[in-house]
Amino acid sequence: MSLRHHAAAALSAFALIVALPHSASAATGQFRYSYETEEGYEAVGFLNSPRSGQCITLPAVDSDDVPPAHTPRNLTDAPVTVFLDADCEGEVSFTLRPGGGASERLKLRSVFFG
C-alpha cells in the first residue's frame, strides 16, 4: 500500500470514530423513593433519567431535620448505589440493580448512578 492509501485509511477511521454516538450521561428511566413530608404526610419522590457519574442528593430529604427517604425503586437501566447521608457520604447503604427495589427498611438521602 502506498502512503496515500494509508493516509486515506487513517482519515476514514478518524471520521468513523468522530461520527459514532457518545455514551449517554444519564440512566434511562425513573428512580422512585418514599419520604415523609415536613407536615408528616407520606409522599413519593422521583428522578427522571438521572445523571450518571455524579452524586445526587434527594431534594426532599437533604437535611438531618427530616427523616431519610425509604423504599427505593430503581426503574432505570443502570445500577444505583444509595447512601444514608447526603452528598454520597458515609457508609454505602446498598446497590440496587436496574429494575430492583428495596423495602422501607432501606434508608437513603443520596444516590449515585454509574
PDB file of N, CA and C in Angstrom:
ATOM      1  N   MET A   1       0.837  -1.186   0.000  1.00  0.00           N
ATOM      2  CA  MET A   1       0.000   0.000   0.000  1.00  0.00           C
ATOM      3  C   MET A   1       0.876   1.241   0.000  1.00  0.00           C
ATOM      4  N   SER A   2       0.434   2.216  -0.706  1.00  0.00           N
ATOM      5  CA  SER A   2       1.190   3.450  -0.780  1.00  0.00           C
ATOM      6  C   SER A   2       0.833   4.360   0.392  1.00  0.00           C
ATOM      7  N   LEU A   3       1.612   5.386   0.551  1.00  0.00           N
ATOM      8  CA  LEU A   3       1.376   6.363   1.614  1.00  0.00           C
ATOM      9  C   LEU A   3      -0.011   6.988   1.472  1.00  0.00           C
ATOM     10  N   ARG A   4      -0.435   7.201   0.237  1.00  0.00           N
ATOM     11  CA  ARG A   4      -1.746   7.789   0.004  1.00  0.00           C
ATOM     12  C   ARG A   4      -2.861   6.876   0.508  1.00  0.00           C
ATOM     13  N   HIS A   5      -2.734   5.563   0.321  1.00  0.00           N
ATOM     14  CA  HIS A   5      -3.729   4.605   0.807  1.00  0.00           C
ATOM     15  C   HIS A   5      -3.766   4.583   2.336  1.00  0.00           C
ATOM     16  N   HIS A   6      -2.579   4.627   2.959  1.00  0.00           N
ATOM     17  CA  HIS A   6      -2.516   4.653   4.421  1.00  0.00           C
ATOM     18  C   HIS A   6      -3.184   5.914   4.978  1.00  0.00           C
ATOM     19  N   ALA A   7      -2.907   7.040   4.338  1.00  0.00           N
ATOM     20  CA  ALA A   7      -3.498   8.292   4.782  1.00  0.00           C
ATOM     21  C   ALA A   7      -5.010   8.268   4.618  1.00  0.00           C
ATOM     22  N   ALA A   8      -5.495   7.723   3.522  1.00  0.00           N
ATOM     23  CA  ALA A   8      -6.941   7.636   3.294  1.00  0.00           C
ATOM     24  C   ALA A   8      -7.591   6.711   4.316  1.00  0.00           C
ATOM     25  N   ALA A   9      -6.936   5.594   4.621  1.00  0.00           N
ATOM     26  CA  ALA A   9      -7.478   4.662   5.609  1.00  0.00           C
ATOM     27  C   ALA A   9      -7.518   5.300   7.000  1.00  0.00           C
ATOM     28  N   ALA A  10      -6.460   6.016   7.368  1.00  0.00           N
ATOM     29  CA  ALA A  10      -6.421   6.682   8.670  1.00  0.00           C
ATOM     30  C   ALA A  10      -7.498   7.757   8.761  1.00  0.00           C
ATOM     31  N   LEU A  11      -7.670   8.518   7.708  1.00  0.00           N
ATOM     32  CA  LEU A  11      -8.691   9.562   7.690  1.00  0.00           C
ATOM     33  C   LEU A  11     -10.089   8.959   7.787  1.00  0.00           C
ATOM     34  N   SER A  12     -10.329   7.854   7.107  1.00  0.00           N
ATOM     35  CA  SER A  12     -11.625   7.178   7.179  1.00  0.00           C
ATOM     36  C   SER A  12     -11.898   6.660   8.591  1.00  0.00           C
ATOM     37  N   ALA A  13     -10.886   6.077   9.224  1.00  0.00           N
ATOM     38  CA  ALA A  13     -11.045   5.575  10.589  1.00  0.00           C
ATOM     39  C   ALA A  13     -11.346   6.718  11.549  1.00  0.00           C
ATOM     40  N   PHE A  14     -10.662   7.843  11.398  1.00  0.00           N
ATOM     41  CA  PHE A  14     -10.909   9.002  12.249  1.00  0.00           C
ATOM     42  C   PHE A  14     -12.339   9.515  12.057  1.00  0.00           C
ATOM     43  N   ALA A  15     -12.805   9.587  10.822  1.00  0.00           N
ATOM     44  CA  ALA A  15     -14.160  10.063  10.540  1.00  0.00           C
ATOM     45  C   ALA A  15     -15.200   9.134  11.160  1.00  0.00           C
ATOM     46  N   LEU A  16     -14.946   7.832  11.145  1.00  0.00           N
ATOM     47  CA  LEU A  16     -15.862   6.868  11.749  1.00  0.00           C
ATOM     48  C   LEU A  16     -15.928   7.047  13.262  1.00  0.00           C
ATOM     49  N   ILE A  17     -14.799   7.257  13.899  1.00  0.00           N
ATOM     50  CA  ILE A  17     -14.763   7.453  15.351  1.00  0.00           C
ATOM     51  C   ILE A  17     -15.517   8.719  15.734  1.00  0.00           C
ATOM     52  N   VAL A  18     -15.325   9.785  15.002  1.00  0.00           N
ATOM     53  CA  VAL A  18     -15.988  11.053  15.303  1.00  0.00           C
ATOM     54  C   VAL A  18     -17.496  10.932  15.087  1.00  0.00           C
ATOM     55  N   ALA A  19     -17.932  10.127  14.126  1.00  0.00           N
ATOM     56  CA  ALA A  19     -19.352  10.007  13.805  1.00  0.00           C
ATOM     57  C   ALA A  19     -20.103   9.105  14.780  1.00  0.00           C
ATOM     58  N   LEU A  20     -19.414   8.253  15.526  1.00  0.00           N
ATOM     59  CA  LEU A  20     -20.095   7.359  16.463  1.00  0.00           C
ATOM     60  C   LEU A  20     -20.708   8.159  17.602  1.00  0.00           C
ATOM     61  N   PRO A  21     -21.895   7.750  18.054  1.00  0.00           N
ATOM     62  CA  PRO A  21     -22.509   8.483  19.160  1.00  0.00           C
ATOM     63  C   PRO A  21     -21.716   8.280  20.444  1.00  0.00           C
ATOM     64  N   HIS A  22     -21.715   9.315  21.277  1.00  0.00           N
ATOM     65  CA  HIS A  22     -21.017   9.237  22.552  1.00  0.00           C
ATOM     66  C   HIS A  22     -21.907   8.556  23.569  1.00  0.00           C
ATOM     67  N   SER A  23     -21.311   7.989  24.618  1.00  0.00           N
ATOM     68  CA  SER A  23     -22.095   7.294  25.629  1.00  0.00           C
ATOM     69  C   SER A  23     -23.004   8.289  26.353  1.00  0.00           C
ATOM     70  N   ALA A  24     -24.156   7.802  26.732  1.00  0.00           N
ATOM     71  CA  ALA A  24     -25.138   8.658  27.402  1.00  0.00           C
ATOM     72  C   ALA A  24     -24.647   9.027  28.796  1.00  0.00           C
ATOM     73  N   SER A  25     -25.039  10.208  29.249  1.00  0.00           N
ATOM     74  CA  SER A  25     -24.619  10.653  30.568  1.00  0.00           C
ATOM     75  C   SER A  25     -25.763  10.558  31.566  1.00  0.00           C
ATOM     76  N   ALA A  26     -26.790   9.798  31.219  1.00  0.00           N
ATOM     77  CA  ALA A  26     -27.920   9.649  32.128  1.00  0.00           C
ATOM     78  C   ALA A  26     -28.440   8.220  32.077  1.00  0.00           C
ATOM     79  N   ALA A  27     -28.938   7.778  33.202  1.00  0.00           N
ATOM     80  CA  ALA A  27     -29.637   6.495  33.243  1.00  0.00           C
ATOM     81  C   ALA A  27     -31.014   6.729  32.628  1.00  0.00           C
ATOM     82  N   THR A  28     -31.500   5.803  31.850  1.00  0.00           N
ATOM     83  CA  THR A  28     -32.807   5.938  31.231  1.00  0.00           C
ATOM     84  C   THR A  28     -33.853   5.296  32.130  1.00  0.00           C
ATOM     85  N   GLY A  29     -34.903   6.035  32.419  1.00  0.00           N
ATOM     86  CA  GLY A  29     -35.976   5.527  33.264  1.00  0.00           C
ATOM     87  C   GLY A  29     -36.192   6.423  34.468  1.00  0.00           C
ATOM     88  N   GLN A  30     -36.810   5.843  35.496  1.00  0.00           N
ATOM     89  CA  GLN A  30     -37.165   6.629  36.678  1.00  0.00           C
ATOM     90  C   GLN A  30     -36.695   5.932  37.954  1.00  0.00           C
ATOM     91  N   PHE A  31     -36.203   6.718  38.887  1.00  0.00           N
ATOM     92  CA  PHE A  31     -35.855   6.240  40.223  1.00  0.00           C
ATOM     93  C   PHE A  31     -36.886   6.828  41.177  1.00  0.00           C
ATOM     94  N   ARG A  32     -37.525   5.967  41.976  1.00  0.00           N
ATOM     95  CA  ARG A  32     -38.573   6.424  42.908  1.00  0.00           C
ATOM     96  C   ARG A  32     -38.171   6.128  44.343  1.00  0.00           C
ATOM     97  N   TYR A  33     -38.691   6.931  45.247  1.00  0.00           N
ATOM     98  CA  TYR A  33     -38.446   6.733  46.672  1.00  0.00           C
ATOM     99  C   TYR A  33     -39.607   7.338  47.457  1.00  0.00           C
ATOM    100  N   SER A  34     -39.827   6.846  48.650  1.00  0.00           N
ATOM    101  CA  SER A  34     -40.870   7.383  49.527  1.00  0.00           C
ATOM    102  C   SER A  34     -40.217   8.186  50.631  1.00  0.00           C
ATOM    103  N   TYR A  35     -40.933   9.182  51.130  1.00  0.00           N
ATOM    104  CA  TYR A  35     -40.416  10.005  52.221  1.00  0.00           C
ATOM    105  C   TYR A  35     -41.572  10.637  52.980  1.00  0.00           C
ATOM    106  N   GLU A  36     -41.281  11.131  54.157  1.00  0.00           N
ATOM    107  CA  GLU A  36     -42.273  11.810  54.973  1.00  0.00           C
ATOM    108  C   GLU A  36     -42.078  13.316  54.820  1.00  0.00           C
ATOM    109  N   THR A  37     -43.158  14.022  54.516  1.00  0.00           N
ATOM    110  CA  THR A  37     -43.067  15.471  54.363  1.00  0.00           C
ATOM    111  C   THR A  37     -42.905  16.128  55.732  1.00  0.00           C
ATOM    112  N   GLU A  38     -42.578  17.414  55.728  1.00  0.00           N
ATOM    113  CA  GLU A  38     -42.442  18.154  56.983  1.00  0.00           C
ATOM    114  C   GLU A  38     -43.755  18.183  57.761  1.00  0.00           C
ATOM    115  N   GLU A  39     -44.876  18.053  57.042  1.00  0.00           N
ATOM    116  CA  GLU A  39     -46.183  18.038  57.686  1.00  0.00           C
ATOM    117  C   GLU A  39     -46.566  16.647  58.198  1.00  0.00           C
ATOM    118  N   GLY A  40     -45.721  15.645  57.918  1.00  0.00           N
ATOM    119  CA  GLY A  40     -45.972  14.297  58.396  1.00  0.00           C
ATOM    120  C   GLY A  40     -46.707  13.384  57.434  1.00  0.00           C
ATOM    121  N   TYR A  41     -46.897  13.826  56.185  1.00  0.00           N
ATOM    122  CA  TYR A  41     -47.579  13.006  55.187  1.00  0.00           C
ATOM    123  C   TYR A  41     -46.571  12.151  54.424  1.00  0.00           C
ATOM    124  N   GLU A  42     -47.025  10.982  53.987  1.00  0.00           N
ATOM    125  CA  GLU A  42     -46.196  10.105  53.156  1.00  0.00           C
ATOM    126  C   GLU A  42     -46.265  10.605  51.719  1.00  0.00           C
ATOM    127  N   ALA A  43     -45.119  10.716  51.054  1.00  0.00           N
ATOM    128  CA  ALA A  43     -45.056  11.209  49.677  1.00  0.00           C
ATOM    129  C   ALA A  43     -44.099  10.338  48.869  1.00  0.00           C
ATOM    130  N   VAL A  44     -44.185  10.444  47.556  1.00  0.00           N
ATOM    131  CA  VAL A  44     -43.294   9.730  46.644  1.00  0.00           C
ATOM    132  C   VAL A  44     -42.513  10.753  45.839  1.00  0.00           C
ATOM    133  N   GLY A  45     -41.190  10.605  45.843  1.00  0.00           N
ATOM    134  CA  GLY A  45     -40.327  11.443  45.028  1.00  0.00           C
ATOM    135  C   GLY A  45     -39.777  10.623  43.877  1.00  0.00           C
ATOM    136  N   PHE A  46     -39.283  11.288  42.860  1.00  0.00           N
ATOM    137  CA  PHE A  46     -38.720  10.559  41.735  1.00  0.00           C
ATOM    138  C   PHE A  46     -37.677  11.394  41.017  1.00  0.00           C
ATOM    139  N   LEU A  47     -36.783  10.688  40.331  1.00  0.00           N
ATOM    140  CA  LEU A  47     -35.782  11.290  39.460  1.00  0.00           C
ATOM    141  C   LEU A  47     -35.995  10.696  38.078  1.00  0.00           C
ATOM    142  N   ASN A  48     -36.244  11.517  37.079  1.00  0.00           N
ATOM    143  CA  ASN A  48     -36.407  11.046  35.707  1.00  0.00           C
ATOM    144  C   ASN A  48     -35.068  11.104  34.992  1.00  0.00           C
ATOM    145  N   SER A  49     -34.667   9.992  34.404  1.00  0.00           N
ATOM    146  CA  SER A  49     -33.398   9.886  33.677  1.00  0.00           C
ATOM    147  C   SER A  49     -32.278  10.603  34.426  1.00  0.00           C
ATOM    148  N   PRO A  50     -31.961  10.134  35.642  1.00  0.00           N
ATOM    149  CA  PRO A  50     -30.952  10.810  36.457  1.00  0.00           C
ATOM    150  C   PRO A  50     -29.557  10.746  35.844  1.00  0.00           C
ATOM    151  N   ARG A  51     -28.769  11.772  36.110  1.00  0.00           N
ATOM    152  CA  ARG A  51     -27.402  11.850  35.591  1.00  0.00           C
ATOM    153  C   ARG A  51     -26.547  10.734  36.177  1.00  0.00           C
ATOM    154  N   SER A  52     -25.703  10.175  35.350  1.00  0.00           N
ATOM    155  CA  SER A  52     -24.769   9.137  35.777  1.00  0.00           C
ATOM    156  C   SER A  52     -23.428   9.758  36.129  1.00  0.00           C
ATOM    157  N   GLY A  53     -22.690   9.095  37.009  1.00  0.00           N
ATOM    158  CA  GLY A  53     -21.330   9.511  37.309  1.00  0.00           C
ATOM    159  C   GLY A  53     -21.197  10.649  38.283  1.00  0.00           C
ATOM    160  N   GLN A  54     -22.277  11.060  38.921  1.00  0.00           N
ATOM    161  CA  GLN A  54     -22.178  12.103  39.934  1.00  0.00           C
ATOM    162  C   GLN A  54     -23.223  11.863  41.017  1.00  0.00           C
ATOM    163  N   CYS A  55     -22.937  12.353  42.193  1.00  0.00           N
ATOM    164  CA  CYS A  55     -23.830  12.186  43.330  1.00  0.00           C
ATOM    165  C   CYS A  55     -25.065  13.077  43.176  1.00  0.00           C
ATOM    166  N   ILE A  56     -26.221  12.530  43.544  1.00  0.00           N
ATOM    167  CA  ILE A  56     -27.459  13.291  43.553  1.00  0.00           C
ATOM    168  C   ILE A  56     -28.045  13.188  44.962  1.00  0.00           C
ATOM    169  N   THR A  57     -28.131  14.325  45.652  1.00  0.00           N
ATOM    170  CA  THR A  57     -28.791  14.358  46.953  1.00  0.00           C
ATOM    171  C   THR A  57     -30.283  14.553  46.701  1.00  0.00           C
ATOM    172  N   LEU A  58     -31.106  13.701  47.297  1.00  0.00           N
ATOM    173  CA  LEU A  58     -32.547  13.750  47.079  1.00  0.00           C
ATOM    174  C   LEU A  58     -33.123  15.022  47.716  1.00  0.00           C
ATOM    175  N   PRO A  59     -33.835  15.833  46.944  1.00  0.00           N
ATOM    176  CA  PRO A  59     -34.254  17.152  47.403  1.00  0.00           C
ATOM    177  C   PRO A  59     -35.111  17.163  48.669  1.00  0.00           C
ATOM    178  N   ALA A  60     -36.034  16.267  48.817  1.00  0.00           N
ATOM    179  CA  ALA A  60     -36.975  16.319  49.940  1.00  0.00           C
ATOM    180  C   ALA A  60     -36.366  15.847  51.258  1.00  0.00           C
ATOM    181  N   VAL A  61     -35.214  15.211  51.188  1.00  0.00           N
ATOM    182  CA  VAL A  61     -34.613  14.619  52.397  1.00  0.00           C
ATOM    183  C   VAL A  61     -33.147  15.002  52.533  1.00  0.00           C
ATOM    184  N   ASP A  62     -32.807  16.207  52.106  1.00  0.00           N
ATOM    185  CA  ASP A  62     -31.407  16.628  52.054  1.00  0.00           C
ATOM    186  C   ASP A  62     -30.860  17.131  53.382  1.00  0.00           C
ATOM    187  N   SER A  63     -31.681  17.147  54.435  1.00  0.00           N
ATOM    188  CA  SER A  63     -31.219  17.645  55.724  1.00  0.00           C
ATOM    189  C   SER A  63     -31.527  16.645  56.829  1.00  0.00           C
ATOM    190  N   ASP A  64     -30.745  16.717  57.884  1.00  0.00           N
ATOM    191  CA  ASP A  64     -30.967  15.827  59.023  1.00  0.00           C
ATOM    192  C   ASP A  64     -32.200  16.233  59.828  1.00  0.00           C
ATOM    193  N   ASP A  65     -32.844  17.347  59.467  1.00  0.00           N
ATOM    194  CA  ASP A  65     -34.050  17.809  60.161  1.00  0.00           C
ATOM    195  C   ASP A  65     -35.280  16.983  59.795  1.00  0.00           C
ATOM    196  N   VAL A  66     -35.204  16.226  58.710  1.00  0.00           N
ATOM    197  CA  VAL A  66     -36.314  15.369  58.276  1.00  0.00           C
ATOM    198  C   VAL A  66     -35.826  13.930  58.209  1.00  0.00           C
ATOM    199  N   PRO A  67     -36.753  12.970  58.358  1.00  0.00           N
ATOM    200  CA  PRO A  67     -36.334  11.568  58.252  1.00  0.00           C
ATOM    201  C   PRO A  67     -35.818  11.259  56.844  1.00  0.00           C
ATOM    202  N   PRO A  68     -34.916  10.284  56.719  1.00  0.00           N
ATOM    203  CA  PRO A  68     -34.433   9.922  55.385  1.00  0.00           C
ATOM    204  C   PRO A  68     -35.533   9.261  54.557  1.00  0.00           C
ATOM    205  N   ALA A  69     -35.316   9.211  53.255  1.00  0.00           N
ATOM    206  CA  ALA A  69     -36.240   8.517  52.353  1.00  0.00           C
ATOM    207  C   ALA A  69     -36.123   7.014  52.584  1.00  0.00           C
ATOM    208  N   HIS A  70     -37.060   6.278  52.006  1.00  0.00           N
ATOM    209  CA  HIS A  70     -37.064   4.818  52.136  1.00  0.00           C
ATOM    210  C   HIS A  70     -37.766   4.202  50.929  1.00  0.00           C
ATOM    211  N   THR A  71     -37.782   2.892  50.866  1.00  0.00           N
ATOM    212  CA  THR A  71     -38.465   2.116  49.834  1.00  0.00           C
ATOM    213  C   THR A  71     -38.074   2.539  48.412  1.00  0.00           C
ATOM    214  N   PRO A  72     -36.785   2.530  48.088  1.00  0.00           N
ATOM    215  CA  PRO A  72     -36.375   2.929  46.735  1.00  0.00           C
ATOM    216  C   PRO A  72     -36.762   1.897  45.685  1.00  0.00           C
ATOM    217  N   ARG A  73     -37.056   2.374  44.487  1.00  0.00           N
ATOM    218  CA  ARG A  73     -37.353   1.540  43.320  1.00  0.00           C
ATOM    219  C   ARG A  73     -36.510   2.055  42.166  1.00  0.00           C
ATOM    220  N   ASN A  74     -35.612   1.214  41.673  1.00  0.00           N
ATOM    221  CA  ASN A  74     -34.738   1.599  40.571  1.00  0.00           C
ATOM    222  C   ASN A  74     -35.342   1.128  39.253  1.00  0.00           C
ATOM    223  N   LEU A  75     -36.133   1.965  38.622  1.00  0.00           N
ATOM    224  CA  LEU A  75     -36.774   1.632  37.359  1.00  0.00           C
ATOM    225  C   LEU A  75     -35.972   2.166  36.173  1.00  0.00           C
ATOM    226  N   THR A  76     -34.652   2.302  36.375  1.00  0.00           N
ATOM    227  CA  THR A  76     -33.764   2.768  35.307  1.00  0.00           C
ATOM    228  C   THR A  76     -33.026   1.573  34.709  1.00  0.00           C
ATOM    229  N   ASP A  77     -32.192   1.866  33.719  1.00  0.00           N
ATOM    230  CA  ASP A  77     -31.391   0.819  33.081  1.00  0.00           C
ATOM    231  C   ASP A  77     -29.965   0.764  33.632  1.00  0.00           C
ATOM    232  N   ALA A  78     -29.716   1.422  34.774  1.00  0.00           N
ATOM    233  CA  ALA A  78     -28.371   1.465  35.352  1.00  0.00           C
ATOM    234  C   ALA A  78     -28.418   1.093  36.831  1.00  0.00           C
ATOM    235  N   PRO A  79     -27.357   0.481  37.342  1.00  0.00           N
ATOM    236  CA  PRO A  79     -27.318   0.224  38.786  1.00  0.00           C
ATOM    237  C   PRO A  79     -27.177   1.543  39.549  1.00  0.00           C
ATOM    238  N   VAL A  80     -27.699   1.573  40.766  1.00  0.00           N
ATOM    239  CA  VAL A  80     -27.625   2.773  41.597  1.00  0.00           C
ATOM    240  C   VAL A  80     -27.163   2.373  42.989  1.00  0.00           C
ATOM    241  N   THR A  81     -26.254   3.164  43.538  1.00  0.00           N
ATOM    242  CA  THR A  81     -25.815   2.976  44.912  1.00  0.00           C
ATOM    243  C   THR A  81     -26.489   4.042  45.748  1.00  0.00           C
ATOM    244  N   VAL A  82     -27.160   3.610  46.816  1.00  0.00           N
ATOM    245  CA  VAL A  82     -27.865   4.561  47.680  1.00  0.00           C
ATOM    246  C   VAL A  82     -27.060   4.759  48.958  1.00  0.00           C
ATOM    247  N   PHE A  83     -27.084   5.989  49.465  1.00  0.00           N
ATOM    248  CA  PHE A  83     -26.322   6.357  50.658  1.00  0.00           C
ATOM    249  C   PHE A  83     -27.269   6.900  51.713  1.00  0.00           C
ATOM    250  N   LEU A  84     -26.997   6.609  52.962  1.00  0.00           N
ATOM    251  CA  LEU A  84     -27.800   7.118  54.060  1.00  0.00           C
ATOM    252  C   LEU A  84     -27.587   8.613  54.258  1.00  0.00           C
ATOM    253  N   ASP A  85     -26.395   9.104  53.975  1.00  0.00           N
ATOM    254  CA  ASP A  85     -26.080  10.521  54.183  1.00  0.00           C
ATOM    255  C   ASP A  85     -26.183  11.305  52.876  1.00  0.00           C
ATOM    256  N   ALA A  86     -26.394  12.610  52.981  1.00  0.00           N
ATOM    257  CA  ALA A  86     -26.397  13.493  51.820  1.00  0.00           C
ATOM    258  C   ALA A  86     -25.002  13.542  51.204  1.00  0.00           C
ATOM    259  N   ASP A  87     -24.928  13.963  49.966  1.00  0.00           N
ATOM    260  CA  ASP A  87     -23.670  14.119  49.232  1.00  0.00           C
ATOM    261  C   ASP A  87     -22.889  12.817  49.089  1.00  0.00           C
ATOM    262  N   CYS A  88     -23.590  11.684  49.119  1.00  0.00           N
ATOM    263  CA  CYS A  88     -22.986  10.353  48.958  1.00  0.00           C
ATOM    264  C   CYS A  88     -21.865  10.110  49.956  1.00  0.00           C
ATOM    265  N   GLU A  89     -22.032  10.644  51.146  1.00  0.00           N
ATOM    266  CA  GLU A  89     -21.031  10.464  52.195  1.00  0.00           C
ATOM    267  C   GLU A  89     -21.493   9.400  53.173  1.00  0.00           C
ATOM    268  N   GLY A  90     -20.580   8.981  54.003  1.00  0.00           N
ATOM    269  CA  GLY A  90     -20.896   7.956  54.989  1.00  0.00           C
ATOM    270  C   GLY A  90     -20.804   6.573  54.382  1.00  0.00           C
ATOM    271  N   GLU A  91     -21.344   5.634  55.087  1.00  0.00           N
ATOM    272  CA  GLU A  91     -21.289   4.257  54.616  1.00  0.00           C
ATOM    273  C   GLU A  91     -22.218   4.047  53.429  1.00  0.00           C
ATOM    274  N   VAL A  92     -21.783   3.218  52.503  1.00  0.00           N
ATOM    275  CA  VAL A  92     -22.635   2.849  51.377  1.00  0.00           C
ATOM    276  C   VAL A  92     -23.737   1.964  51.930  1.00  0.00           C
ATOM    277  N   SER A  93     -24.978   2.326  51.664  1.00  0.00           N
ATOM    278  CA  SER A  93     -26.090   1.550  52.183  1.00  0.00           C
ATOM    279  C   SER A  93     -26.340   0.300  51.355  1.00  0.00           C
ATOM    280  N   PHE A  94     -26.461   0.478  50.052  1.00  0.00           N
ATOM    281  CA  PHE A  94     -26.878  -0.656  49.228  1.00  0.00           C
ATOM    282  C   PHE A  94     -26.756  -0.291  47.757  1.00  0.00           C
ATOM    283  N   THR A  95     -26.560  -1.284  46.906  1.00  0.00           N
ATOM    284  CA  THR A  95     -26.585  -1.082  45.465  1.00  0.00           C
ATOM    285  C   THR A  95     -27.782  -1.836  44.898  1.00  0.00           C
ATOM    286  N   LEU A  96     -28.617  -1.126  44.148  1.00  0.00           N
ATOM    287  CA  LEU A  96     -29.795  -1.714  43.522  1.00  0.00           C
ATOM    288  C   LEU A  96     -29.539  -1.926  42.041  1.00  0.00           C
ATOM    289  N   ARG A  97     -29.856  -3.097  41.568  1.00  0.00           N
ATOM    290  CA  ARG A  97     -29.713  -3.401  40.140  1.00  0.00           C
ATOM    291  C   ARG A  97     -30.820  -2.697  39.360  1.00  0.00           C
ATOM    292  N   PRO A  98     -30.669  -2.570  38.058  1.00  0.00           N
ATOM    293  CA  PRO A  98     -31.749  -1.998  37.252  1.00  0.00           C
ATOM    294  C   PRO A  98     -33.028  -2.828  37.431  1.00  0.00           C
ATOM    295  N   GLY A  99     -34.126  -2.163  37.669  1.00  0.00           N
ATOM    296  CA  GLY A  99     -35.399  -2.847  37.886  1.00  0.00           C
ATOM    297  C   GLY A  99     -35.603  -3.326  39.312  1.00  0.00           C
ATOM    298  N   GLY A 100     -34.629  -3.103  40.195  1.00  0.00           N
ATOM    299  CA  GLY A 100     -34.703  -3.593  41.573  1.00  0.00           C
ATOM    300  C   GLY A 100     -35.314  -2.598  42.528  1.00  0.00           C
ATOM    301  N   GLY A 101     -35.621  -3.089  43.697  1.00  0.00           N
ATOM    302  CA  GLY A 101     -36.185  -2.236  44.727  1.00  0.00           C
ATOM    303  C   GLY A 101     -35.852  -2.781  46.102  1.00  0.00           C
ATOM    304  N   ALA A 102     -36.223  -2.034  47.115  1.00  0.00           N
ATOM    305  CA  ALA A 102     -35.963  -2.441  48.498  1.00  0.00           C
ATOM    306  C   ALA A 102     -37.142  -2.022  49.363  1.00  0.00           C
ATOM    307  N   SER A 103     -37.174  -2.545  50.572  1.00  0.00           N
ATOM    308  CA  SER A 103     -38.265  -2.268  51.493  1.00  0.00           C
ATOM    309  C   SER A 103     -38.065  -0.933  52.200  1.00  0.00           C
ATOM    310  N   GLU A 104     -39.007  -0.613  53.076  1.00  0.00           N
ATOM    311  CA  GLU A 104     -38.925   0.643  53.827  1.00  0.00           C
ATOM    312  C   GLU A 104     -37.791   0.632  54.842  1.00  0.00           C
ATOM    313  N   ARG A 105     -37.172  -0.520  55.063  1.00  0.00           N
ATOM    314  CA  ARG A 105     -36.038  -0.587  55.993  1.00  0.00           C
ATOM    315  C   ARG A 105     -34.782   0.067  55.427  1.00  0.00           C
ATOM    316  N   LEU A 106     -34.683   0.173  54.109  1.00  0.00           N
ATOM    317  CA  LEU A 106     -33.518   0.798  53.485  1.00  0.00           C
ATOM    318  C   LEU A 106     -33.711   2.311  53.470  1.00  0.00           C
ATOM    319  N   LYS A 107     -32.887   3.015  54.207  1.00  0.00           N
ATOM    320  CA  LYS A 107     -32.973   4.478  54.322  1.00  0.00           C
ATOM    321  C   LYS A 107     -31.934   5.123  53.413  1.00  0.00           C
ATOM    322  N   LEU A 108     -32.263   6.297  52.831  1.00  0.00           N
ATOM    323  CA  LEU A 108     -31.342   6.953  51.918  1.00  0.00           C
ATOM    324  C   LEU A 108     -31.594   8.456  51.862  1.00  0.00           C
ATOM    325  N   ARG A 109     -30.517   9.187  51.537  1.00  0.00           N
ATOM    326  CA  ARG A 109     -30.591  10.636  51.318  1.00  0.00           C
ATOM    327  C   ARG A 109     -29.931  11.033  49.995  1.00  0.00           C
ATOM    328  N   SER A 110     -29.100  10.151  49.439  1.00  0.00           N
ATOM    329  CA  SER A 110     -28.419  10.481  48.193  1.00  0.00           C
ATOM    330  C   SER A 110     -28.171   9.208  47.397  1.00  0.00           C
ATOM    331  N   VAL A 111     -27.941   9.376  46.088  1.00  0.00           N
ATOM    332  CA  VAL A 111     -27.754   8.246  45.178  1.00  0.00           C
ATOM    333  C   VAL A 111     -26.640   8.539  44.186  1.00  0.00           C
ATOM    334  N   PHE A 112     -26.077   7.466  43.636  1.00  0.00           N
ATOM    335  CA  PHE A 112     -25.033   7.580  42.620  1.00  0.00           C
ATOM    336  C   PHE A 112     -25.303   6.527  41.550  1.00  0.00           C
ATOM    337  N   PHE A 113     -25.599   6.967  40.322  1.00  0.00           N
ATOM    338  CA  PHE A 113     -25.820   6.057  39.198  1.00  0.00           C
ATOM    339  C   PHE A 113     -24.513   5.916  38.437  1.00  0.00           C
ATOM    340  N   GLY A 114     -24.196   4.680  38.093  1.00  0.00           N
ATOM    341  CA  GLY A 114     -22.964   4.525  37.335  1.00  0.00           C
ATOM    342  C   GLY A 114     -22.385   3.191  37.297  1.00  0.00           C
TER     343      GLY A 114
END
